[in-house]
C-alpha atoms as a PDB file:
ATOM      1  CA  MET A   1     -54.502 -24.291   4.727  1.00  0.00           C
ATOM      2  CA  ALA A   2     -55.329 -21.106   7.116  1.00  0.00           C
ATOM      3  CA  LYS A   3     -53.246 -21.326  10.421  1.00  0.00           C
ATOM      4  CA  LEU A   4     -55.187 -22.667  13.307  1.00  0.00           C
ATOM      5  CA  GLU A   5     -57.334 -20.888  15.371  1.00  0.00           C
ATOM      6  CA  ASN A   6     -57.502 -22.759  17.717  1.00  0.00           C
ATOM      7  CA  PRO A   7     -54.740 -25.596  18.263  1.00  0.00           C
ATOM      8  CA  VAL A   8     -54.021 -28.252  20.186  1.00  0.00           C
ATOM      9  CA  LEU A   9     -50.942 -30.487  19.941  1.00  0.00           C
ATOM     10  CA  MET A  10     -51.537 -34.265  18.796  1.00  0.00           C
ATOM     11  CA  GLY A  11     -48.212 -35.997  18.718  1.00  0.00           C
ATOM     12  CA  THR A  12     -44.831 -35.265  17.494  1.00  0.00           C
ATOM     13  CA  VAL A  13     -42.965 -36.979  14.404  1.00  0.00           C
ATOM     14  CA  GLY A  14     -40.120 -38.691  15.058  1.00  0.00           C
ATOM     15  CA  ALA A  15     -37.809 -40.759  13.021  1.00  0.00           C
ATOM     16  CA  ALA A  16     -38.017 -42.580  10.092  1.00  0.00           C
ATOM     17  CA  GLN A  17     -39.433 -45.807   9.647  1.00  0.00           C
ATOM     18  CA  GLY A  18     -38.497 -48.391   7.323  1.00  0.00           C
ATOM     19  CA  LEU A  19     -38.144 -47.610   2.999  1.00  0.00           C
ATOM     20  CA  ARG A  20     -42.473 -47.104   2.560  1.00  0.00           C
ATOM     21  CA  GLY A  21     -42.148 -43.005   4.135  1.00  0.00           C
ATOM     22  CA  GLU A  22     -43.635 -44.529   7.231  1.00  0.00           C
ATOM     23  CA  VAL A  23     -42.366 -41.986  10.505  1.00  0.00           C
ATOM     24  CA  ARG A  24     -42.632 -42.798  14.088  1.00  0.00           C
ATOM     25  CA  VAL A  25     -45.009 -40.186  16.163  1.00  0.00           C
ATOM     26  CA  LYS A  26     -45.559 -39.391  19.888  1.00  0.00           C
ATOM     27  CA  SER A  27     -49.054 -39.070  20.282  1.00  0.00           C
ATOM     28  CA  TYR A  28     -50.373 -37.191  23.007  1.00  0.00           C
ATOM     29  CA  THR A  29     -53.644 -38.979  22.532  1.00  0.00           C
ATOM     30  CA  ILE A  30     -54.873 -41.287  25.706  1.00  0.00           C
ATOM     31  CA  ASP A  31     -54.816 -44.038  22.983  1.00  0.00           C
ATOM     32  CA  PRO A  32     -51.809 -43.207  21.231  1.00  0.00           C
ATOM     33  CA  THR A  33     -53.955 -44.653  18.000  1.00  0.00           C
ATOM     34  CA  ALA A  34     -56.351 -42.517  17.981  1.00  0.00           C
ATOM     35  CA  ILE A  35     -54.293 -39.637  16.695  1.00  0.00           C
ATOM     36  CA  GLY A  36     -55.583 -40.709  12.664  1.00  0.00           C
ATOM     37  CA  ASP A  37     -59.336 -40.352  14.486  1.00  0.00           C
ATOM     38  CA  TYR A  38     -59.586 -36.173  14.049  1.00  0.00           C
ATOM     39  CA  GLY A  39     -59.300 -35.662  10.396  1.00  0.00           C
ATOM     40  CA  HIS A  40     -56.243 -34.200   9.279  1.00  0.00           C
ATOM     41  CA  LEU A  41     -53.269 -33.659  11.072  1.00  0.00           C
ATOM     42  CA  HIS A  42     -51.971 -29.589  10.658  1.00  0.00           C
ATOM     43  CA  THR A  43     -48.304 -28.410  10.966  1.00  0.00           C
ATOM     44  CA  GLU A  44     -47.894 -24.539  12.311  1.00  0.00           C
ATOM     45  CA  ASP A  45     -46.178 -23.418   8.628  1.00  0.00           C
ATOM     46  CA  GLY A  46     -50.088 -25.087   6.953  1.00  0.00           C
ATOM     47  CA  ARG A  47     -49.022 -28.185   6.053  1.00  0.00           C
ATOM     48  CA  SER A  48     -51.959 -31.248   5.963  1.00  0.00           C
ATOM     49  CA  PHE A  49     -51.629 -34.758   6.846  1.00  0.00           C
ATOM     50  CA  GLU A  50     -54.553 -37.318   6.523  1.00  0.00           C
ATOM     51  CA  VAL A  51     -53.070 -40.233   8.553  1.00  0.00           C
ATOM     52  CA  LEU A  52     -53.322 -43.403   6.074  1.00  0.00           C
ATOM     53  CA  GLU A  53     -52.224 -46.267   8.780  1.00  0.00           C
ATOM     54  CA  VAL A  54     -51.235 -46.191  12.017  1.00  0.00           C
ATOM     55  CA  ARG A  55     -50.140 -49.341  14.618  1.00  0.00           C
ATOM     56  CA  GLU A  56     -48.856 -49.332  17.683  1.00  0.00           C
ATOM     57  CA  ALA A  57     -44.719 -49.590  18.136  1.00  0.00           C
ATOM     58  CA  LYS A  58     -43.128 -49.936  21.467  1.00  0.00           C
ATOM     59  CA  ASN A  59     -43.784 -46.278  23.196  1.00  0.00           C
ATOM     60  CA  VAL A  60     -44.902 -44.350  19.758  1.00  0.00           C
ATOM     61  CA  VAL A  61     -46.945 -45.204  17.070  1.00  0.00           C
ATOM     62  CA  VAL A  62     -45.997 -45.239  13.499  1.00  0.00           C
ATOM     63  CA  VAL A  63     -48.165 -43.327  10.908  1.00  0.00           C
ATOM     64  CA  ARG A  64     -48.317 -43.492   6.819  1.00  0.00           C
ATOM     65  CA  PHE A  65     -49.857 -40.247   5.618  1.00  0.00           C
ATOM     66  CA  ARG A  66     -51.164 -39.923   2.191  1.00  0.00           C
ATOM     67  CA  GLY A  67     -48.226 -38.500   0.002  1.00  0.00           C
ATOM     68  CA  ILE A  68     -45.006 -39.925   2.286  1.00  0.00           C
ATOM     69  CA  ASN A  69     -44.197 -42.426  -0.171  1.00  0.00           C
ATOM     70  CA  ASP A  70     -40.277 -43.079   0.778  1.00  0.00           C
ATOM     71  CA  ARG A  71     -37.898 -42.849   3.280  1.00  0.00           C
ATOM     72  CA  ASN A  72     -36.553 -39.050   2.336  1.00  0.00           C
ATOM     73  CA  ALA A  73     -40.057 -37.812   1.999  1.00  0.00           C
ATOM     74  CA  ALA A  74     -40.413 -39.647   5.814  1.00  0.00           C
ATOM     75  CA  GLU A  75     -37.528 -37.809   6.933  1.00  0.00           C
ATOM     76  CA  ALA A  76     -37.944 -34.888   6.176  1.00  0.00           C
ATOM     77  CA  LEU A  77     -40.366 -34.468   8.700  1.00  0.00           C
ATOM     78  CA  THR A  78     -38.506 -35.086  12.065  1.00  0.00           C
ATOM     79  CA  GLY A  79     -39.184 -33.096  14.424  1.00  0.00           C
ATOM     80  CA  THR A  80     -42.565 -31.946  13.180  1.00  0.00           C
ATOM     81  CA  ASP A  81     -45.376 -31.263  15.568  1.00  0.00           C
ATOM     82  CA  LEU A  82     -49.001 -32.090  14.051  1.00  0.00           C
ATOM     83  CA  TYR A  83     -52.408 -30.313  15.582  1.00  0.00           C
ATOM     84  CA  ILE A  84     -55.860 -30.016  14.593  1.00  0.00           C
ATOM     85  CA  GLU A  85     -58.456 -27.658  15.584  1.00  0.00           C
ATOM     86  CA  ARG A  86     -59.740 -27.650  18.708  1.00  0.00           C
ATOM     87  CA  ASP A  87     -62.972 -27.720  17.214  1.00  0.00           C
ATOM     88  CA  ASN A  88     -61.943 -31.053  16.044  1.00  0.00           C
ATOM     89  CA  LEU A  89     -62.032 -32.702  19.220  1.00  0.00           C
ATOM     90  CA  PRO A  90     -65.607 -34.544  20.369  1.00  0.00           C
ATOM     91  CA  ASP A  91     -68.249 -32.413  21.736  1.00  0.00           C
ATOM     92  CA  GLU A  92     -67.943 -35.385  25.142  1.00  0.00           C
ATOM     93  CA  GLU A  93     -67.572 -33.241  28.900  1.00  0.00           C
ATOM     94  CA  LEU A  94     -64.666 -33.964  29.998  1.00  0.00           C
ATOM     95  CA  ASP A  95     -64.107 -35.404  33.524  1.00  0.00           C
ATOM     96  CA  GLU A  96     -63.407 -32.913  36.158  1.00  0.00           C
ATOM     97  CA  ASP A  97     -59.901 -34.232  36.082  1.00  0.00           C
ATOM     98  CA  GLU A  98     -59.350 -34.029  32.941  1.00  0.00           C
ATOM     99  CA  PHE A  99     -57.615 -31.370  30.623  1.00  0.00           C
ATOM    100  CA  PHE A 100     -56.151 -30.457  27.395  1.00  0.00           C
ATOM    101  CA  TYR A 101     -52.955 -29.085  28.318  1.00  0.00           C
ATOM    102  CA  ALA A 102     -53.287 -26.109  26.324  1.00  0.00           C
ATOM    103  CA  ASP A 103     -55.624 -24.849  28.484  1.00  0.00           C
ATOM    104  CA  LEU A 104     -52.976 -25.150  30.792  1.00  0.00           C
ATOM    105  CA  GLU A 105     -50.935 -22.336  29.214  1.00  0.00           C
ATOM    106  CA  GLY A 106     -50.904 -19.208  30.234  1.00  0.00           C
ATOM    107  CA  LEU A 107     -52.196 -20.065  34.115  1.00  0.00           C
ATOM    108  CA  GLU A 108     -50.515 -18.232  36.891  1.00  0.00           C
ATOM    109  CA  ALA A 109     -48.850 -20.786  39.248  1.00  0.00           C
ATOM    110  CA  VAL A 110     -49.626 -18.992  42.271  1.00  0.00           C
ATOM    111  CA  ASP A 111     -48.236 -20.880  46.284  1.00  0.00           C
ATOM    112  CA  THR A 112     -50.330 -21.160  48.926  1.00  0.00           C
ATOM    113  CA  ALA A 113     -49.043 -18.346  50.372  1.00  0.00           C
ATOM    114  CA  GLY A 114     -50.687 -16.413  47.834  1.00  0.00           C
ATOM    115  CA  ARG A 115     -46.428 -15.788  45.593  1.00  0.00           C
ATOM    116  CA  SER A 116     -46.295 -15.718  42.038  1.00  0.00           C
ATOM    117  CA  HIS A 117     -44.489 -18.273  40.195  1.00  0.00           C
ATOM    118  CA  GLY A 118     -44.944 -17.240  36.673  1.00  0.00           C
ATOM    119  CA  LYS A 119     -47.162 -18.246  33.917  1.00  0.00           C
ATOM    120  CA  VAL A 120     -47.524 -21.712  32.711  1.00  0.00           C
ATOM    121  CA  THR A 121     -45.374 -21.686  29.337  1.00  0.00           C
ATOM    122  CA  GLY A 122     -45.442 -25.548  28.066  1.00  0.00           C
ATOM    123  CA  ILE A 123     -45.681 -28.857  28.852  1.00  0.00           C
ATOM    124  CA  PHE A 124     -43.042 -31.673  28.915  1.00  0.00           C
ATOM    125  CA  ASP A 125     -42.662 -35.753  29.292  1.00  0.00           C
ATOM    126  CA  PHE A 126     -38.821 -36.923  29.538  1.00  0.00           C
ATOM    127  CA  GLY A 127     -40.107 -40.319  30.054  1.00  0.00           C
ATOM    128  CA  ALA A 128     -39.954 -39.979  33.363  1.00  0.00           C
ATOM    129  CA  GLY A 129     -43.536 -37.945  34.023  1.00  0.00           C
ATOM    130  CA  ASP A 130     -45.101 -35.052  32.632  1.00  0.00           C
ATOM    131  CA  LEU A 131     -43.371 -30.958  33.573  1.00  0.00           C
ATOM    132  CA  LEU A 132     -44.628 -27.607  33.795  1.00  0.00           C
ATOM    133  CA  GLU A 133     -43.139 -24.753  32.762  1.00  0.00           C
ATOM    134  CA  LEU A 134     -42.972 -21.509  34.121  1.00  0.00           C
ATOM    135  CA  LYS A 135     -41.689 -18.754  33.395  1.00  0.00           C
ATOM    136  CA  GLY A 136     -42.290 -15.080  35.568  1.00  0.00           C
ATOM    137  CA  PRO A 137     -40.839 -11.563  34.678  1.00  0.00           C
ATOM    138  CA  GLY A 138     -37.465 -11.430  34.353  1.00  0.00           C
ATOM    139  CA  LYS A 139     -37.530 -14.969  35.823  1.00  0.00           C
ATOM    140  CA  ARG A 140     -35.553 -17.718  34.542  1.00  0.00           C
ATOM    141  CA  PRO A 141     -37.865 -20.447  33.374  1.00  0.00           C
ATOM    142  CA  VAL A 142     -38.474 -23.603  35.899  1.00  0.00           C
ATOM    143  CA  LEU A 143     -39.703 -26.677  35.657  1.00  0.00           C
ATOM    144  CA  ILE A 144     -41.848 -28.235  38.428  1.00  0.00           C
ATOM    145  CA  PRO A 145     -43.647 -32.066  38.523  1.00  0.00           C
ATOM    146  CA  PHE A 146     -46.984 -31.574  37.351  1.00  0.00           C
ATOM    147  CA  SER A 147     -48.233 -34.161  40.004  1.00  0.00           C
ATOM    148  CA  GLU A 148     -50.993 -34.678  42.398  1.00  0.00           C
ATOM    149  CA  ALA A 149     -48.252 -33.114  44.890  1.00  0.00           C
ATOM    150  CA  ALA A 150     -46.725 -30.460  43.178  1.00  0.00           C
ATOM    151  CA  VAL A 151     -50.244 -29.119  41.724  1.00  0.00           C
ATOM    152  CA  LEU A 152     -53.003 -28.720  44.291  1.00  0.00           C
ATOM    153  CA  GLU A 153     -55.600 -27.368  42.457  1.00  0.00           C
ATOM    154  CA  ILE A 154     -56.593 -26.321  38.395  1.00  0.00           C
ATOM    155  CA  ASP A 155     -59.172 -23.180  38.212  1.00  0.00           C
ATOM    156  CA  LEU A 156     -59.152 -22.655  34.470  1.00  0.00           C
ATOM    157  CA  GLU A 157     -62.031 -20.119  35.128  1.00  0.00           C
ATOM    158  CA  GLY A 158     -59.703 -17.995  37.125  1.00  0.00           C
ATOM    159  CA  GLY A 159     -56.227 -19.091  35.166  1.00  0.00           C
ATOM    160  CA  ARG A 160     -54.244 -20.226  37.663  1.00  0.00           C
ATOM    161  CA  LEU A 161     -52.848 -22.966  39.113  1.00  0.00           C
ATOM    162  CA  LEU A 162     -52.340 -23.246  42.859  1.00  0.00           C
ATOM    163  CA  ILE A 163     -49.100 -25.196  44.288  1.00  0.00           C
ATOM    164  CA  ASP A 164     -47.440 -26.734  46.576  1.00  0.00           C
ATOM    165  CA  ALA A 165     -43.749 -24.513  46.317  1.00  0.00           C
ATOM    166  CA  VAL A 166     -41.362 -27.422  48.250  1.00  0.00           C
ATOM    167  CA  ALA A 167     -43.511 -30.311  46.688  1.00  0.00           C
ATOM    168  CA  ALA A 168     -42.633 -29.279  43.365  1.00  0.00           C
ATOM    169  CA  GLY A 169     -38.754 -27.973  44.202  1.00  0.00           C
ATOM    170  CA  LEU A 170     -38.942 -24.202  44.124  1.00  0.00           C
ATOM    171  CA  GLU A 171     -38.554 -24.321  48.262  1.00  0.00           C
ATOM    172  CA  ASP A 172     -36.514 -25.348  50.638  1.00  0.00           C
ATOM    173  CA  ASP A 173     -38.855 -27.046  53.219  1.00  0.00           C
ATOM    174  CA  GLY A 174     -35.490 -25.793  56.022  1.00  0.00           C
ATOM    175  CA  ASN A 175     -35.109 -29.944  56.533  1.00  0.00           C
ATOM    176  CA  ASP A 176     -31.377 -30.846  57.166  1.00  0.00           C
ATOM    177  CA  GLY A 177     -32.029 -34.273  57.644  1.00  0.00           C
ATOM    178  CA  PRO A 178     -30.534 -37.553  55.579  1.00  0.00           C
ATOM    179  CA  GLY A 179     -30.609 -36.374  51.335  1.00  0.00           C
ATOM    180  CA  SER A 180     -31.300 -32.743  52.035  1.00  0.00           C
ATOM    181  CA  ARG A 181     -28.684 -30.480  50.129  1.00  0.00           C
ATOM    182  CA  ARG A 182     -27.846 -28.595  53.052  1.00  0.00           C
ATOM    183  CA  ARG A 183     -24.243 -29.960  55.158  1.00  0.00           C
ATOM    184  CA  ARG A 184     -22.899 -29.664  58.210  1.00  0.00           C
ATOM    185  CA  PRO A 185     -19.429 -29.056  58.565  1.00  0.00           C
ATOM    186  CA  PRO A 186     -17.808 -32.465  60.165  1.00  0.00           C
ATOM    187  CA  GLN A 187     -17.341 -32.049  63.899  1.00  0.00           C
ATOM    188  CA  ASP A 188     -15.014 -33.491  66.307  1.00  0.00           C
ATOM    189  CA  ASP A 189     -15.255 -36.103  68.585  1.00  0.00           C
ATOM    190  CA  ASP A 190     -15.135 -33.204  71.371  1.00  0.00           C
ATOM    191  CA  GLY A 191     -18.392 -32.056  69.334  1.00  0.00           C
ATOM    192  CA  GLU A 192     -16.516 -28.702  68.453  1.00  0.00           C
END
């Protein structure tokens, strides 16, 4: 198979499940079991997998692929990202607040003062909510929460995200109240 022109990440293979070649897959579709509804899944190196069965498990789906018939073959897939061609997605219009994560990559993150904080280079979910990775020239990557408080506006046509730098954790709000990171030196009883 030729390399996908416009790949959309659908899931990532985790551990093998049982002895019959099934694997646990972290599905990135709204309905996790829908991962098998879009045709063959592909890897970055050009391999193609036909989904035979999908069933829900706790936080993943258990998938059986054609040709993966034993635990050893299933274990060899651990960590494999699974993609489809963007054209295989339904033609239905997305709601105003819906989009594909692949569309966010490359957008420039600009705060309300007009300062750039880099471009989106990745989207991660470690279990507590989605995070956007921002990378600017000569800067180390930073992660910001992908929340309504931190990301104020998504402008796909304009190629940018409007962010609140304080809510995103990129700037301090200057508040020295309880729970702030700043510490004042202890004072004596007479105020010194």
